[in-house]
């Protein structure tokens, strides 16, 4: 990961605070590098250099999109502008349009002051580490190659992107919209004032959901609460579900690739359980491996054991999960932050298909979400962080590995230590200048105590290493 003030460049994209790191010259520099890279790759396979561009509802989105679209055209790329669109919708449009790549303007769970360039290849997938490095190195070197006036790219719009995305979801063999419609579900949607507030109600309508209660669904970009779909941020949703007697609540992050759930009793399902519930549903129909990242809950392993299935783990980051899925032939994948990846649709986290699977599961089992929730494995997680020290993080984590060399260790991504009944994962973030410290244990007190213990040990190791 490359950092420069608030600007972060990694496999998760180019992100920063608008006007304080992510300024117009930065947008133009990285987009120029990406556009040149796309044009050259497209020429090698005789493909038109077409790039799909979409954005979430952040107030900086329209301005940033104008810069990005104009820059792409100056690099000789044709642009299909889908406007306000979820990240998975842009990913689907790259496939449907047979485009050479895509850019989503969204800083995901970061506050509304942030924005980002999330870059896709011709498969509608996030750039691989090697592809991302090639674009970043070209941007750092100023190696962009604009075209002459008579070779400028075209600007086209596509207003039907969301409907095309939903059409593709509804054709999945595992879904039966008539069965969902027959349940007369009532669903509350918290769209955090971004694209999910448009996309999820449209999907639910197409699925025949009887009553959709919209909460924070106006796409103003002024987030009604912190953007990450965590329980402390979703108190309005939990209260609304409890007060109205709705069957469930759905919440997403600003670009609608992560899905969180609230059951009919107004209880938040640990975000880790979204992929677990999806896997439980899929495995009731077909066999095949599942892939998730090292920071995801052991609950997925418990459900896999119950179905006689296999779980593989990758480094954190959607593209890392996707590459492992492709290596193992996984029928499903995801991340514990609420991401569900269905390869029969596309290789990307998709809150819309995740929501459809949850509703189909409830329709088939006849159970309430509270009953399903109670039957799922129960663990507690603590997701903490430390400011990233001005030092070689590998030196720090190597010191921790030496201290715990008698335990089960993984250095695939930072350092994960698996104990008999709990684990800790310490890794530099892909999206913020911090060291993430995630823990899991049978109880909340246990997970919190483990996180506090390792934060203390990390501080001691930093002091010893830097003294």
Protein backbone atom coordinates (compact mmCIF):
# COMPACT_ATOMS: atom_id res chain seq x y z
CA UNK A 1 0.00 0.00 0.00
CA UNK A 2 1.21 3.46 -0.93
CA UNK A 3 0.34 6.40 1.33
CA UNK A 4 0.69 10.16 0.98
CA UNK A 5 -1.06 12.08 3.74
CA UNK A 6 -4.71 11.03 3.63
CA UNK A 7 -4.24 9.48 0.17
CA UNK A 8 -4.08 5.67 0.16
CA UNK A 9 -3.33 3.58 -2.92
CA UNK A 10 -3.84 -0.19 -2.58
CA UNK A 11 -5.73 -3.18 -4.01
CA UNK A 12 -8.85 -1.56 -2.55
CA UNK A 13 -8.42 1.52 -4.76
CA UNK A 14 -7.16 5.08 -4.61
CA UNK A 15 -8.88 6.84 -1.73
CA UNK A 16 -8.53 9.98 0.31
CA UNK A 17 -10.26 13.03 1.75
CA UNK A 18 -11.62 15.26 -0.98
CA UNK A 19 -9.59 18.48 -1.06
CA UNK A 20 -7.01 17.08 1.36
CA UNK A 21 -5.24 14.31 -0.49
CA UNK A 22 -7.79 13.39 -3.14
CA UNK A 23 -7.77 16.57 -5.21
CA UNK A 24 -8.47 17.04 -8.96
CA UNK A 25 -4.83 16.60 -9.96
CA UNK A 26 -4.69 13.27 -8.10
CA UNK A 27 -7.88 12.05 -9.75
CA UNK A 28 -6.55 13.04 -13.15
CA UNK A 29 -3.13 11.46 -12.53
CA UNK A 30 -4.43 8.05 -11.49
CA UNK A 31 -7.24 8.05 -14.04
CA UNK A 32 -4.75 8.97 -16.78
CA UNK A 33 -2.52 6.08 -15.78
CA UNK A 34 -5.48 3.69 -15.63
CA UNK A 35 -6.91 4.91 -18.94
CA UNK A 36 -3.57 4.48 -20.69
CA UNK A 37 -3.18 1.01 -19.17
CA UNK A 38 -6.71 0.05 -20.29
CA UNK A 39 -6.15 1.32 -23.83
CA UNK A 40 -2.91 -0.62 -24.19
CA UNK A 41 -4.41 -3.85 -22.79
CA UNK A 42 -7.46 -3.53 -25.00
CA UNK A 43 -5.30 -3.12 -28.09
CA UNK A 44 -3.47 -6.37 -27.35
CA UNK A 45 -6.70 -8.37 -27.63
CA UNK A 46 -8.38 -6.21 -30.30
CA UNK A 47 -10.98 -4.94 -27.80
CA UNK A 48 -12.44 -1.43 -27.78
CA UNK A 49 -11.14 0.58 -24.79
CA UNK A 50 -14.55 1.01 -23.13
CA UNK A 51 -14.75 1.87 -19.42
CA UNK A 52 -17.93 1.78 -17.31
CA UNK A 53 -18.09 4.57 -14.70
CA UNK A 54 -20.50 4.78 -11.77
CA UNK A 55 -20.60 6.49 -8.40
CA UNK A 56 -22.25 6.36 -5.00
CA UNK A 57 -24.24 9.32 -3.67
CA UNK A 58 -21.42 11.25 -1.99
CA UNK A 59 -21.77 14.96 -2.60
CA UNK A 60 -18.33 15.01 -4.22
CA UNK A 61 -19.38 12.29 -6.65
CA UNK A 62 -20.68 14.40 -9.57
CA UNK A 63 -17.57 16.62 -9.63
CA UNK A 64 -15.20 13.68 -9.30
CA UNK A 65 -17.08 11.79 -12.01
CA UNK A 66 -16.74 14.72 -14.43
CA UNK A 67 -12.98 14.75 -13.88
CA UNK A 68 -12.68 10.98 -14.27
CA UNK A 69 -14.88 10.77 -17.35
CA UNK A 70 -13.13 13.66 -19.08
CA UNK A 71 -9.72 12.22 -18.28
CA UNK A 72 -10.63 8.78 -19.60
CA UNK A 73 -11.86 10.30 -22.83
CA UNK A 74 -8.60 12.26 -23.11
CA UNK A 75 -6.75 8.93 -22.87
CA UNK A 76 -8.77 7.59 -25.81
CA UNK A 77 -11.23 5.51 -23.77
CA UNK A 78 -14.96 5.43 -24.51
CA UNK A 79 -17.03 5.85 -21.35
CA UNK A 80 -20.35 4.24 -20.45
CA UNK A 81 -21.65 6.48 -17.68
CA UNK A 82 -24.14 4.66 -15.42
CA UNK A 83 -24.41 7.56 -12.99
CA UNK A 84 -25.60 6.73 -9.49
CA UNK A 85 -24.90 3.01 -9.15
CA UNK A 86 -23.86 0.37 -6.63
CA UNK A 87 -20.41 -1.13 -6.94
CA UNK A 88 -21.84 -4.55 -7.92
CA UNK A 89 -23.98 -2.88 -10.58
CA UNK A 90 -20.89 -1.36 -12.19
CA UNK A 91 -19.14 -4.74 -12.00
CA UNK A 92 -22.10 -6.40 -13.73
CA UNK A 93 -22.18 -3.71 -16.43
CA UNK A 94 -18.53 -4.35 -17.30
CA UNK A 95 -19.50 -7.94 -18.04
CA UNK A 96 -22.77 -7.15 -19.80
CA UNK A 97 -21.18 -4.47 -22.01
CA UNK A 98 -18.01 -6.53 -22.58
CA UNK A 99 -16.10 -3.44 -21.51
CA UNK A 100 -12.35 -3.23 -20.99
CA UNK A 101 -12.69 -2.03 -17.39
CA UNK A 102 -14.64 0.03 -14.91
CA UNK A 103 -14.27 2.71 -12.26
CA UNK A 104 -16.51 3.13 -9.22
CA UNK A 105 -16.30 6.42 -7.38
CA UNK A 106 -16.90 5.36 -3.80
CA UNK A 107 -14.93 5.28 -0.58
CA UNK A 108 -17.11 2.43 0.73
CA UNK A 109 -17.44 2.68 4.51
CA UNK A 110 -15.29 5.81 4.90
CA UNK A 111 -17.01 9.05 6.00
CA UNK A 112 -18.68 11.29 3.42
CA UNK A 113 -15.62 13.58 3.30
CA UNK A 114 -13.77 10.75 1.53
CA UNK A 115 -14.02 9.46 -2.00
CA UNK A 116 -12.09 6.92 -4.05
CA UNK A 117 -11.36 5.36 -7.39
CA UNK A 118 -12.18 1.64 -7.27
CA UNK A 119 -10.66 0.14 -10.40
CA UNK A 120 -11.93 -2.89 -12.32
CA UNK A 121 -10.43 -5.01 -15.09
CA UNK A 122 -12.22 -6.48 -18.11
CA UNK A 123 -13.67 -9.28 -15.94
CA UNK A 124 -15.53 -6.77 -13.79
CA UNK A 125 -13.22 -7.68 -10.92
CA UNK A 126 -11.00 -5.47 -8.80
CA UNK A 127 -7.49 -5.24 -10.15
CA UNK A 128 -5.16 -7.99 -9.02
CA UNK A 129 -2.14 -6.90 -6.96
CA UNK A 130 0.05 -7.06 -10.08
CA UNK A 131 -2.46 -5.07 -12.15
CA UNK A 132 -2.89 -2.52 -9.39
CA UNK A 133 0.86 -2.12 -9.00
CA UNK A 134 1.20 -1.53 -12.75
CA UNK A 135 -1.35 1.31 -12.65
CA UNK A 136 0.09 2.87 -9.47
CA UNK A 137 3.65 2.71 -10.80
CA UNK A 138 2.54 4.33 -14.05
CA UNK A 139 0.77 7.08 -12.08
CA UNK A 140 3.81 7.65 -9.86
CA UNK A 141 6.02 7.91 -12.94
CA UNK A 142 3.63 10.29 -14.72
CA UNK A 143 3.50 7.81 -17.58
CA UNK A 144 0.17 8.68 -19.19
CA UNK A 145 -0.33 8.90 -22.94
CA UNK A 146 -3.21 11.18 -23.98
CA UNK A 147 -4.52 10.96 -27.50
CA UNK A 148 -4.89 13.63 -30.18
CA UNK A 149 -8.07 15.63 -30.73
CA UNK A 150 -9.39 13.24 -33.37
CA UNK A 151 -9.01 10.15 -31.17
CA UNK A 152 -10.82 11.35 -28.02
CA UNK A 153 -13.15 8.82 -26.43
CA UNK A 154 -16.93 8.93 -26.59
CA UNK A 155 -19.33 9.58 -23.68
CA UNK A 156 -22.42 7.34 -23.51
CA UNK A 157 -25.00 6.93 -20.76
CA UNK A 158 -26.82 3.82 -19.56
CA UNK A 159 -29.87 4.48 -17.42
CA UNK A 160 -30.95 0.83 -17.21
CA UNK A 161 -27.88 -0.52 -15.40
CA UNK A 162 -29.71 -1.31 -12.14
CA UNK A 163 -32.55 -3.11 -13.91
CA UNK A 164 -30.06 -5.17 -15.93
CA UNK A 165 -28.28 -6.09 -12.70
CA UNK A 166 -31.56 -7.15 -11.08
CA UNK A 167 -32.59 -9.06 -14.21
CA UNK A 168 -29.40 -11.12 -13.89
CA UNK A 169 -30.07 -11.84 -10.21
CA UNK A 170 -33.61 -13.02 -10.91
CA UNK A 171 -32.38 -15.56 -13.47
CA UNK A 172 -30.27 -17.42 -10.89
CA UNK A 173 -31.45 -21.02 -10.53
CA UNK A 174 -31.54 -20.79 -6.73
CA UNK A 175 -34.10 -17.99 -6.71
CA UNK A 176 -37.88 -18.28 -7.05
CA UNK A 177 -39.44 -14.79 -6.93
CA UNK A 178 -42.94 -16.27 -6.80
CA UNK A 179 -42.08 -18.17 -3.63
CA UNK A 180 -40.71 -14.98 -2.05
CA UNK A 181 -43.75 -12.95 -3.11
CA UNK A 182 -46.08 -15.55 -1.56
CA UNK A 183 -44.65 -14.79 1.90
CA UNK A 184 -45.89 -11.17 1.98
CA UNK A 185 -42.68 -10.06 3.65
CA UNK A 186 -42.33 -6.65 5.23
CA UNK A 187 -38.76 -5.34 4.99
CA UNK A 188 -37.15 -2.19 6.38
CA UNK A 189 -34.23 -0.87 4.30
CA UNK A 190 -31.55 1.46 5.66
CA UNK A 191 -29.78 2.87 2.60
CA UNK A 192 -27.46 5.25 4.52
CA UNK A 193 -28.58 8.01 2.12
CA UNK A 194 -26.73 6.47 -0.80
CA UNK A 195 -27.25 4.11 -3.73
CA UNK A 196 -28.50 1.21 -1.63
CA UNK A 197 -31.55 3.28 -0.79
CA UNK A 198 -32.46 3.14 -4.49
CA UNK A 199 -31.16 -0.31 -5.42
CA UNK A 200 -32.51 -2.46 -2.59
CA UNK A 201 -36.12 -1.20 -2.78
CA UNK A 202 -36.06 -1.75 -6.55
CA UNK A 203 -34.86 -5.33 -6.05
CA UNK A 204 -37.42 -6.01 -3.33
CA UNK A 205 -40.19 -4.72 -5.57
CA UNK A 206 -39.06 -7.06 -8.36
CA UNK A 207 -39.07 -9.93 -5.85
CA UNK A 208 -42.66 -9.19 -4.91
CA UNK A 209 -41.99 -8.04 -1.37
CA UNK A 210 -45.31 -6.74 -0.06
CA UNK A 211 -44.13 -3.80 2.00
CA UNK A 212 -40.81 -1.96 1.82
CA UNK A 213 -40.24 0.58 4.60
CA UNK A 214 -37.56 3.05 3.49
CA UNK A 215 -35.24 4.45 6.17
CA UNK A 216 -32.47 6.87 5.18
CA UNK A 217 -33.04 5.94 1.54
CA UNK A 218 -32.86 9.39 -0.05
CA UNK A 219 -29.56 9.39 -2.02
CA UNK A 220 -28.38 12.76 -0.74
CA UNK A 221 -24.88 11.64 0.20
CA UNK A 222 -25.40 13.14 3.65
CA UNK A 223 -25.09 9.99 5.69
CA UNK A 224 -27.65 9.77 8.47
CA UNK A 225 -25.21 7.76 10.59
CA UNK A 226 -21.62 6.49 10.25
CA UNK A 227 -21.39 4.63 6.98
CA UNK A 228 -20.12 1.23 8.14
CA UNK A 229 -23.09 -1.12 8.76
CA UNK A 230 -22.28 -2.01 12.36
CA UNK A 231 -24.75 -2.40 15.25
CA UNK A 232 -23.85 0.86 16.98
CA UNK A 233 -24.63 2.68 13.73
CA UNK A 234 -27.94 0.93 13.00
CA UNK A 235 -29.98 1.69 16.10
CA UNK A 236 -32.64 3.45 13.98
CA UNK A 237 -33.06 0.34 11.85
CA UNK A 238 -33.25 -2.02 14.81
CA UNK A 239 -35.83 0.20 16.50
CA UNK A 240 -37.91 0.54 13.32
CA UNK A 241 -38.03 -3.24 12.79
CA UNK A 242 -38.99 -3.83 16.42
CA UNK A 243 -41.64 -1.10 16.42
CA UNK A 244 -43.30 -2.08 13.15
CA UNK A 245 -43.14 -5.86 13.46
CA UNK A 246 -41.30 -6.15 10.14
CA UNK A 247 -39.94 -9.52 9.06
CA UNK A 248 -36.39 -8.21 8.74
CA UNK A 249 -34.20 -5.19 8.21
CA UNK A 250 -31.53 -4.74 5.54
CA UNK A 251 -28.63 -2.30 5.77
CA UNK A 252 -25.81 -1.58 3.35
CA UNK A 253 -22.71 0.57 3.12
CA UNK A 254 -22.69 3.57 0.72
CA UNK A 255 -21.82 1.54 -2.39
CA UNK A 256 -24.05 -1.43 -1.52
CA UNK A 257 -21.56 -4.26 -1.71
CA UNK A 258 -21.86 -5.11 2.01
CA UNK A 259 -25.07 -6.35 3.62
CA UNK A 260 -26.06 -6.37 7.29
CA UNK A 261 -29.23 -7.91 8.71
CA UNK A 262 -31.66 -7.19 11.54
CA UNK A 263 -34.01 -9.99 12.56
CA UNK A 264 -37.75 -9.68 13.25
CA UNK A 265 -37.09 -9.14 16.96
CA UNK A 266 -34.99 -6.07 16.17
CA UNK A 267 -31.69 -7.84 16.87
CA UNK A 268 -28.62 -7.14 14.77
CA UNK A 269 -27.02 -10.20 13.22
CA UNK A 270 -23.27 -10.01 13.61
CA UNK A 271 -22.10 -8.80 10.20
CA UNK A 272 -20.00 -11.95 10.02
CA UNK A 273 -23.20 -13.98 9.76
CA UNK A 274 -24.37 -12.59 6.41
CA UNK A 275 -22.05 -14.86 4.45
CA UNK A 276 -22.73 -17.73 6.85
CA UNK A 277 -26.48 -17.52 6.28
CA UNK A 278 -25.93 -17.32 2.52
CA UNK A 279 -23.69 -20.39 2.63
CA UNK A 280 -26.21 -22.33 4.73
CA UNK A 281 -28.81 -21.57 2.05
CA UNK A 282 -26.62 -22.46 -0.93
CA UNK A 283 -25.31 -25.67 0.67
CA UNK A 284 -28.90 -26.82 1.18
CA UNK A 285 -29.07 -27.00 -2.63
CA UNK A 286 -25.58 -27.87 -3.87
CA UNK A 287 -22.14 -28.99 -2.75
CA UNK A 288 -18.92 -27.10 -3.24
CA UNK A 289 -16.17 -25.20 -1.45
CA UNK A 290 -16.46 -21.75 0.11
CA UNK A 291 -13.76 -19.07 0.35
CA UNK A 292 -13.50 -16.29 2.91
CA UNK A 293 -10.70 -14.23 4.39
CA UNK A 294 -8.55 -14.78 7.45
CA UNK A 295 -10.45 -12.17 9.49
CA UNK A 296 -13.83 -13.88 9.09
CA UNK A 297 -15.60 -15.76 11.85
CA UNK A 298 -15.20 -19.46 12.60
CA UNK A 299 -18.98 -19.66 12.27
CA UNK A 300 -18.55 -20.41 8.57
CA UNK A 301 -16.38 -23.42 9.44
CA UNK A 302 -19.06 -24.74 11.81
CA UNK A 303 -21.78 -24.47 9.16
CA UNK A 304 -19.47 -26.04 6.56
CA UNK A 305 -18.84 -28.98 8.88
CA UNK A 306 -22.59 -29.47 9.33
CA UNK A 307 -22.99 -29.69 5.54
CA UNK A 308 -19.80 -31.72 4.97
CA UNK A 309 -18.24 -28.89 2.96
CA UNK A 310 -14.81 -27.22 2.78
CA UNK A 311 -13.76 -23.68 3.62
CA UNK A 312 -10.62 -22.05 2.22
CA UNK A 313 -9.16 -18.78 3.49
CA UNK A 314 -7.35 -15.96 1.74
CA UNK A 315 -5.75 -12.65 2.59
CA UNK A 316 -8.18 -9.81 3.32
CA UNK A 317 -9.35 -7.91 0.24
CA UNK A 318 -12.05 -8.82 -2.23
CA UNK A 319 -9.70 -9.66 -5.09
CA UNK A 320 -7.74 -12.01 -2.83
CA UNK A 321 -10.95 -13.88 -2.00
CA UNK A 322 -11.94 -13.92 -5.67
CA UNK A 323 -8.60 -15.32 -6.82
CA UNK A 324 -8.79 -18.07 -4.18
CA UNK A 325 -12.36 -18.86 -5.27
CA UNK A 326 -11.21 -19.25 -8.85
CA UNK A 327 -8.31 -21.47 -7.77
CA UNK A 328 -10.55 -23.78 -5.73
CA UNK A 329 -13.69 -23.75 -7.89
CA UNK A 330 -15.72 -22.32 -5.01
CA UNK A 331 -19.49 -22.08 -5.49
CA UNK A 332 -19.71 -19.17 -3.05
CA UNK A 333 -17.45 -16.79 -1.21
CA UNK A 334 -17.42 -13.64 0.82
CA UNK A 335 -15.92 -11.64 3.60
CA UNK A 336 -17.03 -11.27 7.19
CA UNK A 337 -17.82 -7.60 6.71
CA UNK A 338 -21.14 -8.57 5.11
CA UNK A 339 -19.87 -9.43 1.65
CA UNK A 340 -21.42 -12.24 -0.41
CA UNK A 341 -19.83 -13.31 -3.73
CA UNK A 342 -21.87 -15.50 -6.11
CA UNK A 343 -19.72 -16.58 -9.08
CA UNK A 344 -22.78 -17.60 -11.12
CA UNK A 345 -23.60 -13.87 -11.12
CA UNK A 346 -20.21 -12.13 -10.97
CA UNK A 347 -17.02 -12.22 -8.92
CA UNK A 348 -17.75 -9.35 -6.57
CA UNK A 349 -19.41 -8.68 -3.23
CA UNK A 350 -23.06 -7.94 -3.89
CA UNK A 351 -25.56 -6.85 -1.23
CA UNK A 352 -28.46 -7.25 -3.65
CA UNK A 353 -27.92 -10.94 -4.35
CA UNK A 354 -27.16 -11.46 -0.66
CA UNK A 355 -30.55 -9.99 0.25
CA UNK A 356 -32.28 -12.14 -2.36
CA UNK A 357 -30.67 -15.29 -0.94
CA UNK A 358 -31.76 -14.40 2.60
CA UNK A 359 -35.37 -13.92 1.49
CA UNK A 360 -35.32 -17.15 -0.52
CA UNK A 361 -33.93 -19.02 2.50
CA UNK A 362 -36.72 -17.69 4.72
CA UNK A 363 -39.34 -18.54 2.10
CA UNK A 364 -38.09 -22.12 1.75
CA UNK A 365 -37.66 -22.86 5.44
CA UNK A 366 -40.78 -21.06 6.61
CA UNK A 367 -38.77 -19.78 9.55
CA UNK A 368 -38.47 -16.27 10.90
CA UNK A 369 -35.08 -14.62 10.67
CA UNK A 370 -34.96 -14.66 14.49
CA UNK A 371 -35.27 -18.47 14.44
CA UNK A 372 -32.58 -18.74 11.78
CA UNK A 373 -30.41 -16.33 13.79
CA UNK A 374 -30.75 -18.39 16.97
CA UNK A 375 -29.73 -21.57 15.11
CA UNK A 376 -26.51 -20.11 13.70
CA UNK A 377 -23.19 -20.57 15.52
CA UNK A 378 -22.61 -17.93 18.17
CA UNK A 379 -19.27 -16.18 18.52
CA UNK A 380 -18.25 -12.68 19.52
CA UNK A 381 -15.76 -10.48 17.73
CA UNK A 382 -13.85 -7.34 18.63
CA UNK A 383 -12.69 -5.20 15.72
CA UNK A 384 -10.07 -2.77 16.98
CA UNK A 385 -7.18 -0.79 15.58
CA UNK A 386 -3.95 1.02 16.37
CA UNK A 387 -2.38 3.97 14.56
CA UNK A 388 0.08 2.55 12.05
CA UNK A 389 3.56 3.21 13.47
CA UNK A 390 6.28 4.86 11.40
CA UNK A 391 8.23 1.65 11.12
CA UNK A 392 8.46 -1.56 9.16
CA UNK A 393 5.25 -3.36 10.14
CA UNK A 394 6.74 -6.70 9.12
CA UNK A 395 9.41 -6.27 11.78
CA UNK A 396 6.70 -5.71 14.38
CA UNK A 397 4.63 -8.71 13.33
CA UNK A 398 7.69 -10.94 13.04
CA UNK A 399 8.48 -10.12 16.67
CA UNK A 400 4.94 -11.12 17.63
CA UNK A 401 5.23 -14.35 15.63
CA UNK A 402 8.42 -15.30 17.47
CA UNK A 403 6.65 -14.78 20.78
CA UNK A 404 3.83 -17.13 19.75
CA UNK A 405 5.71 -19.65 17.62
CA UNK A 406 4.19 -22.49 19.64
CA UNK A 407 0.68 -21.62 18.39
CA UNK A 408 -0.92 -22.09 14.98
CA UNK A 409 0.21 -19.11 12.90
CA UNK A 410 -0.58 -17.72 9.48
CA UNK A 411 1.50 -14.98 7.83
CA UNK A 412 -0.52 -14.91 4.59
CA UNK A 413 -1.84 -11.47 5.54
CA UNK A 414 -0.20 -9.78 8.51
CA UNK A 415 -0.23 -12.29 11.37
CA UNK A 416 -3.08 -14.50 12.56
CA UNK A 417 -2.72 -16.55 15.73
CA UNK A 418 -5.22 -19.38 16.18
CA UNK A 419 -5.69 -20.55 19.73
CA UNK A 420 -7.89 -23.50 20.70
CA UNK A 421 -11.06 -21.49 21.29
CA UNK A 422 -10.19 -18.00 20.02
CA UNK A 423 -8.01 -16.13 17.53
CA UNK A 424 -6.41 -12.76 16.84
CA UNK A 425 -5.58 -11.29 13.44
CA UNK A 426 -3.23 -8.30 13.16
CA UNK A 427 -2.73 -6.68 9.77
CA UNK A 428 -2.17 -3.27 8.15
CA UNK A 429 -5.40 -1.94 6.66
CA UNK A 430 -5.92 -1.73 2.88
CA UNK A 431 -8.07 1.37 3.29
CA UNK A 432 -6.77 3.37 6.29
CA UNK A 433 -3.32 4.16 7.81
CA UNK A 434 -3.90 1.84 10.76
CA UNK A 435 -3.06 -1.61 12.07
CA UNK A 436 -6.24 -3.65 12.43
CA UNK A 437 -6.55 -5.94 15.45
CA UNK A 438 -9.46 -8.36 15.10
CA UNK A 439 -10.28 -11.04 17.64
CA UNK A 440 -12.91 -13.72 18.09
CA UNK A 441 -13.88 -15.69 21.19
CA UNK A 442 -16.95 -17.46 22.57
CA UNK A 443 -18.06 -14.34 24.48
CA UNK A 444 -17.95 -10.57 24.02
CA UNK A 445 -15.89 -10.16 27.18
CA UNK A 446 -13.42 -12.76 25.92
CA UNK A 447 -13.05 -11.13 22.50
CA UNK A 448 -12.61 -7.68 24.07
CA UNK A 449 -10.05 -8.96 26.57
CA UNK A 450 -8.06 -10.65 23.79
CA UNK A 451 -8.06 -7.45 21.70
CA UNK A 452 -6.96 -5.35 24.68
CA UNK A 453 -4.22 -7.86 25.48
CA UNK A 454 -2.77 -7.80 21.98
CA UNK A 455 -3.04 -4.04 21.61
CA UNK A 456 -0.99 -3.78 24.80
CA UNK A 457 1.54 -6.32 23.55
CA UNK A 458 1.80 -4.52 20.21
CA UNK A 459 2.48 -1.22 21.95
CA UNK A 460 5.23 -2.90 23.97
CA UNK A 461 6.71 -4.44 20.82
CA UNK A 462 6.61 -1.05 19.05
CA UNK A 463 8.37 0.57 21.96
CA UNK A 464 11.02 -2.15 22.05
CA UNK A 465 11.55 -2.03 18.30
CA UNK A 466 11.76 1.76 17.99
CA UNK A 467 13.78 2.51 21.17
